[in-house]
Protein backbone atom coordinates (compact mmCIF):
# COMPACT_ATOMS: atom_id res chain seq x y z
CA MET A 1 33.61 31.37 -17.31
CA PHE A 2 31.13 31.32 -20.12
CA LEU A 3 30.39 35.05 -19.80
CA THR A 4 34.11 35.94 -19.59
CA ILE A 5 34.74 34.10 -22.85
CA LEU A 6 31.92 35.96 -24.65
CA PHE A 7 33.05 39.26 -23.22
CA LEU A 8 36.58 38.74 -24.46
CA LEU A 9 35.32 37.87 -27.88
CA SER A 10 33.12 40.97 -27.88
CA SER A 11 36.01 43.16 -26.78
CA ILE A 12 38.20 41.79 -29.59
CA THR A 13 35.59 42.55 -32.15
CA TYR A 14 35.11 46.05 -30.75
CA SER A 15 38.83 46.69 -30.93
CA LEU A 16 39.08 45.47 -34.53
CA ALA A 17 36.16 47.69 -35.48
CA VAL A 18 37.87 50.65 -33.84
CA VAL A 19 41.11 50.01 -35.81
CA PHE A 20 39.63 49.14 -39.22
CA GLY A 21 36.26 50.92 -39.07
CA ALA A 22 37.29 54.58 -38.76
CA GLN A 23 34.26 55.63 -40.85
CA ILE A 24 31.78 54.02 -38.44
CA SER A 25 29.92 56.23 -36.04
CA PRO A 26 31.17 55.93 -32.44
CA TRP A 27 27.62 55.12 -31.37
CA TRP A 28 27.62 52.16 -33.69
CA LEU A 29 31.02 51.02 -32.26
CA PHE A 30 29.67 51.33 -28.69
CA ALA A 31 26.77 49.14 -29.66
CA LEU A 32 29.06 46.40 -31.06
CA ILE A 33 29.96 44.88 -27.75
CA PRO A 34 26.50 44.16 -26.39
CA GLY A 35 25.31 43.32 -29.91
CA PHE A 36 28.11 40.80 -30.50
CA PHE A 37 27.69 39.53 -26.92
CA LEU A 38 24.09 38.71 -27.54
CA GLY A 39 24.85 37.28 -30.94
CA CYS A 40 27.44 34.93 -29.52
CA ILE A 41 24.87 33.68 -27.04
CA LEU A 42 22.30 33.04 -29.78
CA VAL A 43 24.81 31.30 -32.03
CA TYR A 44 26.02 29.13 -29.10
CA MET A 45 22.42 28.14 -28.17
CA LEU A 46 21.67 27.34 -31.82
CA CYS A 47 24.68 25.20 -32.12
CA ILE A 48 23.93 23.29 -28.88
CA SER A 49 20.32 22.81 -30.03
CA ILE A 50 21.47 21.23 -33.33
CA ILE A 51 24.10 19.09 -31.68
CA SER A 52 21.51 17.73 -29.25
CA LEU A 53 19.46 16.42 -32.18
CA PHE A 54 22.34 14.21 -33.27
CA LEU A 55 23.34 12.75 -29.88
CA PRO A 56 22.35 9.09 -29.78
CA ARG A 57 19.36 8.22 -27.52
CA LYS A 58 20.93 5.23 -25.92
CA ASP A 59 22.92 5.42 -22.71
CA PRO A 60 26.66 6.03 -23.34
CA LYS A 61 29.49 3.65 -22.30
CA LYS A 62 31.64 6.51 -20.94
CA SER A 63 30.87 10.07 -19.79
CA SER A 64 31.36 12.70 -22.47
CA ALA A 65 33.77 15.45 -21.49
CA PHE A 66 32.28 17.58 -24.27
CA CYS A 67 28.77 17.29 -22.74
CA ARG A 68 29.93 17.93 -19.19
CA LEU A 69 31.82 21.00 -20.33
CA ASN A 70 28.81 22.50 -22.09
CA ILE A 71 26.56 21.70 -19.16
CA ARG A 72 28.92 23.60 -16.88
CA LEU A 73 29.27 26.55 -19.27
CA PHE A 74 25.50 26.78 -19.78
CA LEU A 75 24.73 26.60 -16.04
CA ASP A 76 27.47 29.21 -15.30
CA TRP A 77 25.78 31.55 -17.71
CA LEU A 78 22.34 30.75 -16.33
CA MET A 79 23.37 31.53 -12.77
CA CYS A 80 24.71 34.93 -13.96
CA LEU A 81 21.47 35.53 -15.89
CA LEU A 82 19.35 34.74 -12.83
CA HIS A 83 21.61 37.10 -10.73
CA VAL A 84 22.79 34.38 -8.28
CA ARG A 85 25.71 34.95 -5.96
CA PHE A 86 27.38 32.08 -4.18
CA ARG A 87 28.93 31.50 -0.81
CA ILE A 88 30.86 28.31 -0.77
CA THR A 89 32.48 26.80 2.25
CA GLY A 90 34.27 23.54 3.27
CA GLU A 91 35.80 22.70 -0.10
CA GLU A 92 39.06 21.89 1.73
CA ILE A 93 37.43 18.76 3.22
CA LEU A 94 36.65 17.16 -0.08
CA PRO A 95 38.58 13.91 -0.56
CA GLU A 96 40.69 13.31 -3.62
CA GLU A 97 39.06 10.03 -4.35
CA PRO A 98 35.60 9.63 -5.87
CA PHE A 99 32.77 10.22 -3.35
CA VAL A 100 29.02 10.12 -3.04
CA LEU A 101 27.60 13.61 -2.52
CA ILE A 102 24.38 13.87 -0.49
CA SER A 103 22.51 17.02 0.34
CA ASN A 104 19.19 18.44 1.37
CA HIS A 105 16.83 19.09 -1.63
CA ARG A 106 15.11 22.38 -1.75
CA SER A 107 14.75 23.20 -5.47
CA VAL A 108 15.10 22.07 -9.00
CA PHE A 109 18.19 24.28 -9.04
CA ASP A 110 19.93 22.28 -6.45
CA PRO A 111 22.12 20.09 -8.85
CA MET A 112 22.47 23.05 -11.24
CA VAL A 113 24.24 25.25 -8.68
CA VAL A 114 26.51 22.41 -7.79
CA LEU A 115 27.47 21.67 -11.34
CA ALA A 116 27.97 25.45 -12.06
CA LYS A 117 30.36 25.87 -9.31
CA THR A 118 32.03 22.55 -8.49
CA LYS A 119 35.79 22.19 -9.10
CA ARG A 120 35.49 18.46 -9.50
CA LYS A 121 36.23 17.31 -13.01
CA LYS A 122 33.53 14.56 -13.20
CA MET A 123 30.55 15.33 -11.09
CA LEU A 124 27.40 13.37 -12.14
CA PHE A 125 23.92 13.21 -10.68
CA ILE A 126 21.27 10.61 -10.27
CA SER A 127 18.02 12.20 -11.49
CA LYS A 128 14.45 11.28 -12.13
CA GLU A 129 13.94 9.74 -15.58
CA SER A 130 11.59 12.50 -16.84
CA ASN A 131 14.58 14.97 -16.91
CA PHE A 132 16.11 13.01 -19.76
CA LYS A 133 13.22 13.81 -21.93
CA ILE A 134 13.64 17.59 -21.68
CA PRO A 135 14.61 18.99 -25.17
CA ILE A 136 18.19 19.93 -25.65
CA ALA A 137 19.07 19.38 -22.01
CA GLY A 138 18.05 15.72 -21.92
CA PRO A 139 20.45 14.41 -24.59
CA PHE A 140 23.39 16.31 -22.91
CA ILE A 141 22.87 15.07 -19.41
CA ARG A 142 22.38 11.51 -20.81
CA HIS A 143 25.75 11.71 -22.56
CA ALA A 144 27.38 13.33 -19.64
CA ALA A 145 26.45 9.94 -18.08
CA PHE A 146 23.89 11.16 -15.56
CA LEU A 147 21.75 8.33 -14.51
CA GLY A 148 17.93 8.17 -14.50
CA ILE A 149 16.26 6.44 -11.63
CA ASP A 150 12.80 4.94 -11.50
CA ARG A 151 11.53 5.67 -8.04
CA GLU A 152 8.47 3.55 -8.53
CA ASN A 153 10.40 0.42 -9.55
CA GLY A 154 12.73 -0.98 -6.94
CA ILE A 155 14.59 -3.39 -9.25
CA ARG A 156 15.24 -0.75 -11.84
CA ALA A 157 16.32 1.75 -9.21
CA LEU A 158 18.75 -0.85 -7.79
CA ARG A 159 20.16 -1.39 -11.27
CA THR A 160 20.71 2.36 -11.65
CA LEU A 161 22.59 2.52 -8.33
CA LYS A 162 24.80 -0.44 -9.48
CA ASN A 163 25.54 1.41 -12.74
CA ALA A 164 26.47 4.52 -10.68
CA ALA A 165 28.88 2.44 -8.58
CA ASP A 166 30.49 1.17 -11.79
CA ARG A 167 30.94 4.79 -13.00
CA MET A 168 32.64 5.61 -9.72
CA THR A 169 34.96 2.65 -9.92
CA ASN A 170 35.84 2.76 -13.67
CA GLU A 171 35.67 6.46 -14.33
CA ASP A 172 36.59 8.04 -11.08
CA ALA A 173 33.34 9.89 -11.13
CA ASP A 174 31.73 11.61 -8.16
CA ILE A 175 27.92 10.90 -7.88
CA GLY A 176 25.40 13.24 -6.38
CA ILE A 177 22.14 11.97 -5.05
CA TYR A 178 19.31 13.45 -2.96
CA PRO A 179 18.28 10.94 -0.29
CA GLU A 180 15.05 12.74 0.53
CA GLY A 181 13.92 11.44 -2.89
CA THR A 182 12.08 14.61 -3.82
CA ARG A 183 12.10 18.34 -3.05
CA THR A 184 10.76 19.55 0.28
CA LYS A 185 7.32 21.14 0.05
CA ASP A 186 7.41 23.05 3.35
CA GLY A 187 11.11 23.85 3.72
CA ASN A 188 11.60 21.10 6.46
CA LEU A 189 14.12 18.34 6.00
CA MET A 190 12.46 15.15 5.18
CA GLU A 191 13.43 11.58 6.09
CA PHE A 192 16.43 10.19 4.12
CA LYS A 193 15.72 7.07 2.13
CA SER A 194 18.23 4.35 3.07
CA GLY A 195 18.51 3.00 -0.53
CA ALA A 196 20.47 6.04 -1.51
CA PHE A 197 23.36 4.81 0.62
CA TYR A 198 23.59 1.50 -1.16
CA LEU A 199 25.60 3.40 -3.72
CA ALA A 200 28.27 4.40 -1.29
CA LYS A 201 28.57 0.84 0.09
CA LYS A 202 28.60 -0.72 -3.29
CA ALA A 203 31.39 1.58 -4.52
CA ASN A 204 33.27 1.50 -1.23
CA ALA A 205 33.25 5.31 -1.34
CA PRO A 206 33.19 8.10 1.20
CA ILE A 207 30.13 10.24 1.55
CA VAL A 208 30.41 14.03 1.43
CA VAL A 209 27.59 15.88 3.19
CA MET A 210 26.45 19.18 1.91
CA VAL A 211 23.89 21.80 2.97
CA VAL A 212 22.40 24.20 0.46
CA ARG A 213 20.35 27.33 1.27
CA ASN A 214 18.16 29.66 -0.73
CA THR A 215 18.06 27.68 -3.88
CA GLU A 216 14.27 27.76 -3.66
CA LYS A 217 14.46 31.55 -4.20
CA VAL A 218 16.45 31.32 -7.49
CA GLY A 219 14.49 32.69 -10.42
CA LYS A 220 11.55 33.86 -8.37
CA ARG A 221 12.46 37.47 -8.25
CA PHE A 222 13.94 39.84 -10.82
CA SER A 223 15.65 42.85 -9.13
CA LEU A 224 18.97 44.54 -8.85
CA LYS A 225 19.50 42.64 -5.56
CA PRO A 226 21.05 39.21 -6.17
CA THR A 227 19.82 35.89 -4.76
CA ARG A 228 22.41 34.67 -2.38
CA VAL A 229 22.87 30.90 -2.36
CA SER A 230 25.19 29.04 0.11
CA MET A 231 26.75 25.66 -0.51
CA ASP A 232 28.37 24.29 2.62
CA TYR A 233 30.32 21.05 2.62
CA VAL A 234 29.93 20.14 6.22
CA ALA A 235 31.26 16.62 6.77
CA VAL A 236 32.80 13.59 5.22
CA VAL A 237 31.78 10.07 6.30
CA ASP A 238 34.83 7.96 5.66
CA LYS A 239 34.96 4.55 3.85
CA GLN A 240 35.46 2.60 7.08
CA THR A 241 32.30 4.09 8.70
CA VAL A 242 30.39 3.44 5.39
CA ALA A 243 31.51 -0.15 5.41
CA GLU A 244 30.71 -0.70 9.14
CA LYS A 245 27.22 0.94 9.36
CA SER A 246 24.04 -0.29 7.71
CA MET A 247 22.22 1.78 5.10
CA ASP A 248 19.61 2.72 7.62
CA GLU A 249 22.36 3.87 10.07
CA LEU A 250 24.06 5.91 7.38
CA ALA A 251 20.71 7.52 6.59
CA LEU A 252 20.12 8.51 10.15
CA LEU A 253 23.70 9.68 10.65
CA THR A 254 23.81 11.94 7.54
CA HIS A 255 20.33 13.20 8.24
CA ASP A 256 21.41 14.32 11.63
CA ILE A 257 24.53 16.00 10.22
CA VAL A 258 22.44 17.99 7.68
CA GLU A 259 19.86 18.92 10.33
CA ALA A 260 22.54 20.10 12.79
CA ALA A 261 24.31 22.21 10.16
CA TRP A 262 21.04 23.67 8.95
CA ASN A 263 20.04 24.70 12.48
CA LYS A 264 23.32 26.43 13.14
CA GLN A 265 22.42 29.34 10.91
């Protein structure tokens, strides 16, 4: 979407130059589209950088639609820049009500690919607190109402999960969380931490199980051949099952679902 908007703006500029700039060399006219395209990107990044400086550092009361939109636009552009192609399956099983999204965790790009391609209006993620200190990106994800979690402090982590449940209830937000707790080092699926499922029980929400592939390859090669990433929504654990099972049981259930789906291909 981001690149489409910039291309349309570039094309309009080129057309105006053709109409009103008859004295300009055709070679200069031909250079206007990529030149204006690059210029638009630079101006956009400059504006976003300046805006990030003025965003308050405290946590927002509500998720900012402006910040969510710009996160999605930027990530859409980034995926194009990194030459990523997507295969997405299972979107038809997504419930209309807010849900907790859980997935295997292979790369720092995992939440980025979801945010770039999701059709959900308000998809938020629980992330490690250090991500909120990243220049430019940090203020935007904070005001999009992403939530930082302290994995070393159980009390603070529980408070974050309660806040996430409130977001789901009060703002109809979907929340993504990686129950492995960290990225896999050897490519194998790790144990799911049961605490991640406190969120679904607290919010009385269904759990959507997703499997991602090849995100660990994104940005590691620069060639004409694209990196093909797959995002497969493989199952939904309904609210009744969430209510009936313990957090440990939900961790085992969803782990088995992810493992079975992963081994199919």
